[in-house]
C-alpha atoms as a PDB file:
ATOM      1  CA  MET A   1      -0.199   0.101   0.022  1.00  0.00           C
ATOM      2  CA  LEU A   2       2.922   2.531   1.174  1.00  0.00           C
ATOM      3  CA  ASP A   3       4.670   1.396  -1.968  1.00  0.00           C
ATOM      4  CA  GLN A   4       1.818   2.386  -4.306  1.00  0.00           C
ATOM      5  CA  ILE A   5       1.400   5.601  -2.946  1.00  0.00           C
ATOM      6  CA  ALA A   6       5.154   6.421  -2.890  1.00  0.00           C
ATOM      7  CA  SER A   7       5.425   5.076  -6.759  1.00  0.00           C
ATOM      8  CA  SER A   8       2.477   7.025  -7.679  1.00  0.00           C
ATOM      9  CA  SER A   9       3.823  10.102  -6.210  1.00  0.00           C
ATOM     10  CA  ALA A  10       7.313   9.512  -7.560  1.00  0.00           C
ATOM     11  CA  VAL A  11       5.709   9.121 -10.884  1.00  0.00           C
ATOM     12  CA  ALA A  12       4.036  12.491 -10.635  1.00  0.00           C
ATOM     13  CA  ILE A  13       7.047  14.236  -9.494  1.00  0.00           C
ATOM     14  CA  LEU A  14       9.390  12.320 -12.318  1.00  0.00           C
ATOM     15  CA  ASN A  15       7.080  13.199 -14.996  1.00  0.00           C
ATOM     16  CA  ARG A  16       6.691  17.098 -13.832  1.00  0.00           C
ATOM     17  CA  LEU A  17      10.437  17.127 -14.164  1.00  0.00           C
ATOM     18  CA  LEU A  18      10.568  15.020 -17.348  1.00  0.00           C
ATOM     19  CA  MET A  19       7.965  17.747 -18.839  1.00  0.00           C
ATOM     20  CA  ARG A  20      10.575  20.401 -18.927  1.00  0.00           C
ATOM     21  CA  ALA A  21      13.261  17.793 -20.385  1.00  0.00           C
ATOM     22  CA  ASP A  22      12.612  16.738 -23.814  1.00  0.00           C
ATOM     23  CA  TRP A  23      16.007  15.257 -24.220  1.00  0.00           C
ATOM     24  CA  ALA A  24      15.286  13.086 -21.195  1.00  0.00           C
ATOM     25  CA  ARG A  25      11.957  11.777 -22.620  1.00  0.00           C
ATOM     26  CA  GLU A  26      13.752  11.203 -25.926  1.00  0.00           C
ATOM     27  CA  ARG A  27      16.520   8.971 -24.072  1.00  0.00           C
ATOM     28  CA  LEU A  28      14.116   7.110 -22.113  1.00  0.00           C
ATOM     29  CA  ALA A  29      11.539   6.222 -24.842  1.00  0.00           C
ATOM     30  CA  PRO A  30      13.409   3.427 -26.381  1.00  0.00           C
ATOM     31  CA  PHE A  31      13.047   1.656 -23.113  1.00  0.00           C
ATOM     32  CA  ALA A  32       9.049   1.645 -23.217  1.00  0.00           C
ATOM     33  CA  ALA A  33       7.616  -1.148 -21.252  1.00  0.00           C
ATOM     34  CA  ARG A  34      10.767  -1.676 -19.502  1.00  0.00           C
ATOM     35  CA  VAL A  35      10.523  -1.626 -15.699  1.00  0.00           C
ATOM     36  CA  ALA A  36      12.608  -0.275 -12.880  1.00  0.00           C
ATOM     37  CA  ARG A  37      12.865  -0.700  -9.193  1.00  0.00           C
ATOM     38  CA  PHE A  38      14.250   2.035  -6.888  1.00  0.00           C
ATOM     39  CA  GLU A  39      14.590   0.752  -3.532  1.00  0.00           C
ATOM     40  CA  VAL A  40      15.217   3.541  -0.911  1.00  0.00           C
ATOM     41  CA  PRO A  41      14.694   1.434   2.209  1.00  0.00           C
ATOM     42  CA  PRO A  42      11.968   0.856   3.274  1.00  0.00           C
ATOM     43  CA  LEU A  43      10.196   1.593  -0.079  1.00  0.00           C
ATOM     44  CA  ARG A  44      10.339  -0.147  -3.286  1.00  0.00           C
ATOM     45  CA  LEU A  45       9.076   1.600  -6.084  1.00  0.00           C
ATOM     46  CA  ASN A  46       8.222   0.065  -9.529  1.00  0.00           C
ATOM     47  CA  LEU A  47       8.045   2.330 -12.368  1.00  0.00           C
ATOM     48  CA  ALA A  48       7.729   1.649 -15.992  1.00  0.00           C
ATOM     49  CA  VAL A  49       8.702   3.652 -19.127  1.00  0.00           C
ATOM     50  CA  ALA A  50       5.762   4.621 -21.305  1.00  0.00           C
ATOM     51  CA  ASP A  51       5.695   5.091 -24.987  1.00  0.00           C
ATOM     52  CA  ASP A  52       6.616   8.753 -24.780  1.00  0.00           C
ATOM     53  CA  GLY A  53       9.390   8.370 -22.359  1.00  0.00           C
ATOM     54  CA  THR A  54       7.592   9.212 -19.153  1.00  0.00           C
ATOM     55  CA  PHE A  55       6.988   7.073 -16.247  1.00  0.00           C
ATOM     56  CA  ALA A  56       4.092   5.174 -14.983  1.00  0.00           C
ATOM     57  CA  VAL A  57       3.307   2.787 -12.099  1.00  0.00           C
ATOM     58  CA  ALA A  58       4.491  -0.491 -13.128  1.00  0.00           C
ATOM     59  CA  ALA A  59       1.861  -3.382 -13.534  1.00  0.00           C
ATOM     60  CA  ARG A  60       4.319  -5.966 -13.266  1.00  0.00           C
ATOM     61  CA  GLU A  61       6.457  -6.973 -10.260  1.00  0.00           C
ATOM     62  CA  ALA A  62       9.473  -8.123 -12.138  1.00  0.00           C
ATOM     63  CA  ALA A  63      12.173  -5.503 -12.896  1.00  0.00           C
ATOM     64  CA  ASP A  64      14.468  -5.048 -15.918  1.00  0.00           C
ATOM     65  CA  VAL A  65      16.699  -2.803 -13.393  1.00  0.00           C
ATOM     66  CA  THR A  66      17.133  -2.258  -9.770  1.00  0.00           C
ATOM     67  CA  ILE A  67      18.676   0.803  -8.270  1.00  0.00           C
ATOM     68  CA  THR A  68      18.998   0.896  -4.715  1.00  0.00           C
ATOM     69  CA  PHE A  69      20.078   4.128  -2.927  1.00  0.00           C
ATOM     70  CA  ASP A  70      21.625   4.712   0.359  1.00  0.00           C
ATOM     71  CA  ALA A  71      18.738   5.855   2.882  1.00  0.00           C
ATOM     72  CA  ALA A  72      21.426   7.782   4.767  1.00  0.00           C
ATOM     73  CA  ALA A  73      21.817  10.331   1.818  1.00  0.00           C
ATOM     74  CA  LEU A  74      17.993  11.115   2.120  1.00  0.00           C
ATOM     75  CA  PRO A  75      18.399  13.640   5.005  1.00  0.00           C
ATOM     76  CA  ASN A  76      21.134  15.445   2.590  1.00  0.00           C
ATOM     77  CA  LEU A  77      18.558  15.727  -0.455  1.00  0.00           C
ATOM     78  CA  LEU A  78      17.343  19.146   0.471  1.00  0.00           C
ATOM     79  CA  ALA A  79      20.777  20.786   0.466  1.00  0.00           C
ATOM     80  CA  ASP A  80      22.080  19.020  -2.255  1.00  0.00           C
ATOM     81  CA  PRO A  81      19.716  17.297  -4.553  1.00  0.00           C
ATOM     82  CA  GLN A  82      22.452  15.077  -6.126  1.00  0.00           C
ATOM     83  CA  ALA A  83      23.409  13.416  -2.802  1.00  0.00           C
ATOM     84  CA  LEU A  84      21.191  10.659  -3.538  1.00  0.00           C
ATOM     85  CA  MET A  85      22.592   9.524  -6.722  1.00  0.00           C
ATOM     86  CA  ARG A  86      26.357   9.379  -4.911  1.00  0.00           C
ATOM     87  CA  ASN A  87      25.970   6.097  -3.516  1.00  0.00           C
ATOM     88  CA  VAL A  88      23.771   3.767  -5.760  1.00  0.00           C
ATOM     89  CA  HIS A  89      23.866   0.114  -6.744  1.00  0.00           C
ATOM     90  CA  LEU A  90      22.494  -0.821 -10.221  1.00  0.00           C
ATOM     91  CA  SER A  91      21.860  -4.088 -11.221  1.00  0.00           C
ATOM     92  CA  GLY A  92      20.119  -5.483 -14.294  1.00  0.00           C
ATOM     93  CA  ASP A  93      19.763  -4.324 -17.970  1.00  0.00           C
ATOM     94  CA  ALA A  94      23.218  -2.384 -18.346  1.00  0.00           C
ATOM     95  CA  GLU A  95      21.859  -0.194 -20.935  1.00  0.00           C
ATOM     96  CA  PHE A  96      18.698   0.716 -19.540  1.00  0.00           C
ATOM     97  CA  ALA A  97      20.400   1.102 -16.112  1.00  0.00           C
ATOM     98  CA  GLN A  98      22.857   3.822 -17.985  1.00  0.00           C
ATOM     99  CA  ALA A  99      20.071   5.395 -19.547  1.00  0.00           C
ATOM    100  CA  LEU A 100      18.112   5.928 -16.372  1.00  0.00           C
ATOM    101  CA  SER A 101      21.384   6.885 -14.469  1.00  0.00           C
ATOM    102  CA  GLN A 102      21.998   9.421 -17.218  1.00  0.00           C
ATOM    103  CA  VAL A 103      18.647  10.749 -16.748  1.00  0.00           C
ATOM    104  CA  LEU A 104      18.093  10.959 -13.270  1.00  0.00           C
ATOM    105  CA  GLN A 105      21.602  12.694 -12.841  1.00  0.00           C
ATOM    106  CA  GLU A 106      20.980  15.384 -15.147  1.00  0.00           C
ATOM    107  CA  LEU A 107      17.171  16.198 -14.152  1.00  0.00           C
ATOM    108  CA  ARG A 108      17.280  19.222 -11.909  1.00  0.00           C
ATOM    109  CA  PRO A 109      14.445  19.712  -9.480  1.00  0.00           C
ATOM    110  CA  GLU A 110      13.312  23.228  -9.362  1.00  0.00           C
ATOM    111  CA  PRO A 111      11.544  23.871  -5.803  1.00  0.00           C
ATOM    112  CA  GLU A 112      11.466  27.691  -6.499  1.00  0.00           C
ATOM    113  CA  GLU A 113       9.666  27.104  -9.519  1.00  0.00           C
ATOM    114  CA  GLU A 114       7.196  24.599  -8.072  1.00  0.00           C
ATOM    115  CA  LEU A 115       6.708  26.707  -5.049  1.00  0.00           C
ATOM    116  CA  SER A 116       6.425  30.021  -6.798  1.00  0.00           C
ATOM    117  CA  ARG A 117       2.766  28.683  -8.243  1.00  0.00           C
ATOM    118  CA  PHE A 118       1.549  29.281  -4.664  1.00  0.00           C
ATOM    119  CA  VAL A 119       3.738  31.545  -2.894  1.00  0.00           C
ATOM    120  CA  GLY A 120       5.117  33.895  -5.555  1.00  0.00           C
ATOM    121  CA  ASP A 121       8.589  34.001  -7.041  1.00  0.00           C
ATOM    122  CA  ALA A 122      10.456  35.978  -4.437  1.00  0.00           C
ATOM    123  CA  ALA A 123       8.930  34.045  -1.603  1.00  0.00           C
ATOM    124  CA  ALA A 124       9.756  30.939  -3.214  1.00  0.00           C
ATOM    125  CA  VAL A 125      13.242  31.610  -3.551  1.00  0.00           C
ATOM    126  CA  ARG A 126      13.304  32.799  -0.093  1.00  0.00           C
ATOM    127  CA  LEU A 127      11.780  29.838   1.198  1.00  0.00           C
ATOM    128  CA  VAL A 128      13.853  27.302  -0.576  1.00  0.00           C
ATOM    129  CA  GLY A 129      16.837  29.195   0.224  1.00  0.00           C
ATOM    130  CA  PHE A 130      16.019  29.375   4.045  1.00  0.00           C
ATOM    131  CA  LEU A 131      15.226  25.755   3.835  1.00  0.00           C
ATOM    132  CA  ARG A 132      18.590  24.693   2.054  1.00  0.00           C
ATOM    133  CA  ALA A 133      20.316  26.808   4.773  1.00  0.00           C
ATOM    134  CA  ALA A 134      18.638  25.239   7.682  1.00  0.00           C
ATOM    135  CA  ALA A 135      19.475  21.660   6.378  1.00  0.00           C
ATOM    136  CA  THR A 136      23.194  22.504   5.900  1.00  0.00           C
ATOM    137  CA  GLN A 137      23.268  24.241   9.431  1.00  0.00           C
ATOM    138  CA  ILE A 138      21.542  20.673  10.763  1.00  0.00           C
ATOM    139  CA  LYS A 139      24.107  18.997   9.039  1.00  0.00           C
ATOM    140  CA  GLN A 140      27.193  20.881  10.358  1.00  0.00           C
ATOM    141  CA  ALA A 141      25.679  20.782  13.694  1.00  0.00           C
ATOM    142  CA  ALA A 142      25.337  17.064  13.705  1.00  0.00           C
ATOM    143  CA  GLU A 143      28.919  16.750  12.445  1.00  0.00           C
ATOM    144  CA  ARG A 144      30.255  19.017  15.326  1.00  0.00           C
ATOM    145  CA  LEU A 145      27.948  17.012  17.843  1.00  0.00           C
ATOM    146  CA  SER A 146      29.574  13.666  16.650  1.00  0.00           C
ATOM    147  CA  ALA A 147      33.221  15.265  16.896  1.00  0.00           C
ATOM    148  CA  SER A 148      32.495  16.270  20.269  1.00  0.00           C
ATOM    149  CA  ALA A 149      31.087  13.016  21.638  1.00  0.00           C
ATOM    150  CA  ALA A 150      33.915  11.384  20.057  1.00  0.00           C
ATOM    151  CA  ASP A 151      36.264  13.688  21.844  1.00  0.00           C
ATOM    152  CA  TYR A 152      34.500  13.454  25.102  1.00  0.00           C
ATOM    153  CA  PHE A 153      34.397   9.278  24.937  1.00  0.00           C
ATOM    154  CA  VAL A 154      38.427   9.165  23.910  1.00  0.00           C
ATOM    155  CA  ALA A 155      39.835  11.992  25.719  1.00  0.00           C
ATOM    156  CA  GLU A 156      37.745  13.433  28.766  1.00  0.00           C
ATOM    157  CA  ASN A 157      36.309  10.108  29.828  1.00  0.00           C
ATOM    158  CA  PRO A 158      38.134   7.338  28.179  1.00  0.00           C
ATOM    159  CA  MET A 159      35.344   4.665  27.292  1.00  0.00           C
ATOM    160  CA  LEU A 160      36.863   4.210  23.810  1.00  0.00           C
ATOM    161  CA  VAL A 161      40.160   4.702  22.668  1.00  0.00           C
ATOM    162  CA  SER A 162      41.506   6.717  19.739  1.00  0.00           C
ATOM    163  CA  ARG A 163      42.528   5.063  16.062  1.00  0.00           C
ATOM    164  CA  SER A 164      46.228   5.697  17.083  1.00  0.00           C
ATOM    165  CA  GLU A 165      46.062   3.886  20.334  1.00  0.00           C
ATOM    166  CA  ALA A 166      43.968   0.793  19.018  1.00  0.00           C
ATOM    167  CA  ASP A 167      46.533   0.645  15.987  1.00  0.00           C
ATOM    168  CA  GLY A 168      49.629   0.552  18.597  1.00  0.00           C
ATOM    169  CA  PHE A 169      47.887  -2.003  20.720  1.00  0.00           C
ATOM    170  CA  ALA A 170      47.704  -4.441  17.545  1.00  0.00           C
ATOM    171  CA  ARG A 171      51.452  -3.772  17.003  1.00  0.00           C
ATOM    172  CA  ASP A 172      52.341  -4.544  20.493  1.00  0.00           C
ATOM    173  CA  VAL A 173      50.281  -7.598  20.311  1.00  0.00           C
ATOM    174  CA  ALA A 174      51.657  -8.607  16.746  1.00  0.00           C
ATOM    175  CA  ARG A 175      55.009  -8.014  18.128  1.00  0.00           C
ATOM    176  CA  LEU A 176      54.579 -10.049  21.231  1.00  0.00           C
ATOM    177  CA  ARG A 177      52.909 -13.214  19.279  1.00  0.00           C
ATOM    178  CA  ASP A 178      56.150 -13.104  17.291  1.00  0.00           C
ATOM    179  CA  ASP A 179      58.430 -12.820  20.242  1.00  0.00           C
ATOM    180  CA  VAL A 180      56.305 -16.065  21.697  1.00  0.00           C
ATOM    181  CA  GLU A 181      56.626 -18.079  18.648  1.00  0.00           C
ATOM    182  CA  ARG A 182      60.528 -17.279  18.535  1.00  0.00           C
ATOM    183  CA  LEU A 183      60.653 -18.174  22.154  1.00  0.00           C
ATOM    184  CA  ALA A 184      58.586 -21.361  21.488  1.00  0.00           C
ATOM    185  CA  LYS A 185      61.111 -22.375  18.796  1.00  0.00           C
ATOM    186  CA  ARG A 186      64.198 -21.660  20.841  1.00  0.00           C
ATOM    187  CA  ILE A 187      62.837 -24.113  23.526  1.00  0.00           C
ATOM    188  CA  GLU A 188      61.963 -26.727  20.839  1.00  0.00           C
ATOM    189  CA  HIS A 189      65.507 -26.487  19.491  1.00  0.00           C
ATOM    190  CA  ILE A 190      67.079 -26.675  23.013  1.00  0.00           C
ATOM    191  CA  ALA A 191      64.978 -29.437  23.762  1.00  0.00           C
ATOM    192  CA  GLY A 192      65.789 -31.254  20.744  1.00  0.00           C
ATOM    193  CA  GLU A 193      69.672 -30.907  21.521  1.00  0.00           C
ATOM    194  CA  ASN A 194      69.338 -32.579  24.995  1.00  0.00           C
END
């Protein structure tokens, strides 16, 4: 049920973007009737390419190509629309996957244009700019928080060890293992002489 709603929404959004990009529809048209599955956990969207190069909700479950996105990239989507495309896994028909990849990477969502129909041009630009800035601030705050937490647990309240300390410990263990093996061989050698 949720996948159907998400698929219908994705079709509407993608087709809206495709209406402004004749080149993209022309690139997809040769793949009419093929099905692409987009997996963004927990959602699975099955979209079919229509004769005119737009998308429709797929009637069949079997996919010609499967594109799996990294769900961790979703929070960055507003600040960086191409963030979702950076870590994807493609499987299936290589030619179809390449066409989809090219179209999805080149389509540029323009939220300002969509929003301007409701609130006007100036307000849309300001609102989207504010949302992008807020997303960037949230991302930077999360990075600072994780760095501070790591510093606290490593330096101030040592519940964790630093990478350099862990690497040094691993080197010491390897050296001790080698020394024990050499000592065992010496003892073996001495015992063999007596």
